[in-house]
Each structure stands twice: as C-alpha cells, then as structure tokens.
C-alpha cells in the first residue's frame, strides 16, 4: 500500500484527530451531491439523511451492524463543507468534517474525524478509508460492498501511524 493513500493521525488534548484526503476526477458539485444526497448515501456509506442546514439532523443507519447515528449538523457551506458528529445522543462526540475543494480537473475531498483517545483510532481510520474507496467507486457509477479484507490490511497500516 502506498503511504500516500493513508491519512494522518495526531493526538490533540484528549482525542485523536485523523485526516484522509482523496483527489477525485469529478467536479465539486458531483462530489457534494454524492456526499450529501440521501438517495446516494447508501451507495458508499449507509441509508440516512443529512440536513443541509446548521442545526439540522444528521441520521445514518447501518442495518448490518445495528449502529445508528443521530446527530446534528454543526457546520455547512454547500458545496464545500459539511460537519456533523459520528455519534448518537449519550455517546462521546466524534466530529466529522468533510471538505470538497474544486481543483483543476476535479475535487480534493478531505475528511477530518476526531475520536476520544480511549477509542481505536486505527479501526476508525481503516473504516473511513474503506468508505472512501466505496465513495470513489460510487462516483464512477460502480458501487461496491464494504471492502472488509482491505479494511483489515489498512487497519494494521494505520496502527503504525498512531502517535
């Protein structure tokens, strides 16, 4: 695996913060649509609904694992930025920040995720790494299932990056 495919992990206060960046050969509007359109979310993430207004709902449901995310959009600036927590009420805050920046010939998509330092940041990064592979495939019109074998291999690579 290319080291450039991996994100970065830093320890900030009592949490880890990871950043994963991908360059996509699709325009910013198309990337934004895949990132936020409820009808497209199941192709790369999970069924759900993301409000495009600050204070609106961010709801995702993962039927296979039984995980449900019920959160609030904390920042939004279409078609460039959306931020919400990857948590449900009563759970620690796990903020997600998606940034889609237009570049010549495409879009740079950045994901920044924070989790408490007593949680498995390597697992979190590997999961998002896999979902970003699914995102890229969905952008090409060929959605794929969660790449579990890739997830396991990438998890070990991320373990080596944990500060």
Foldseek 3Di string as FASTA:
>chain_A
DDPLQAWAWDDDDQKIKTKGKDWALAFLVLLLCCVAPQVNCVLQHARWHDDQDFQDWGWGADVVVRDIATWTWHDHDPPFWTKIFRHHPPDDGKIWIWGWDGDVRTTMIMIMIMDGPVDLVLLVRLQVSQSVVQSNCVSVVHGDDRPVVSSVVSSVVVVVNHD
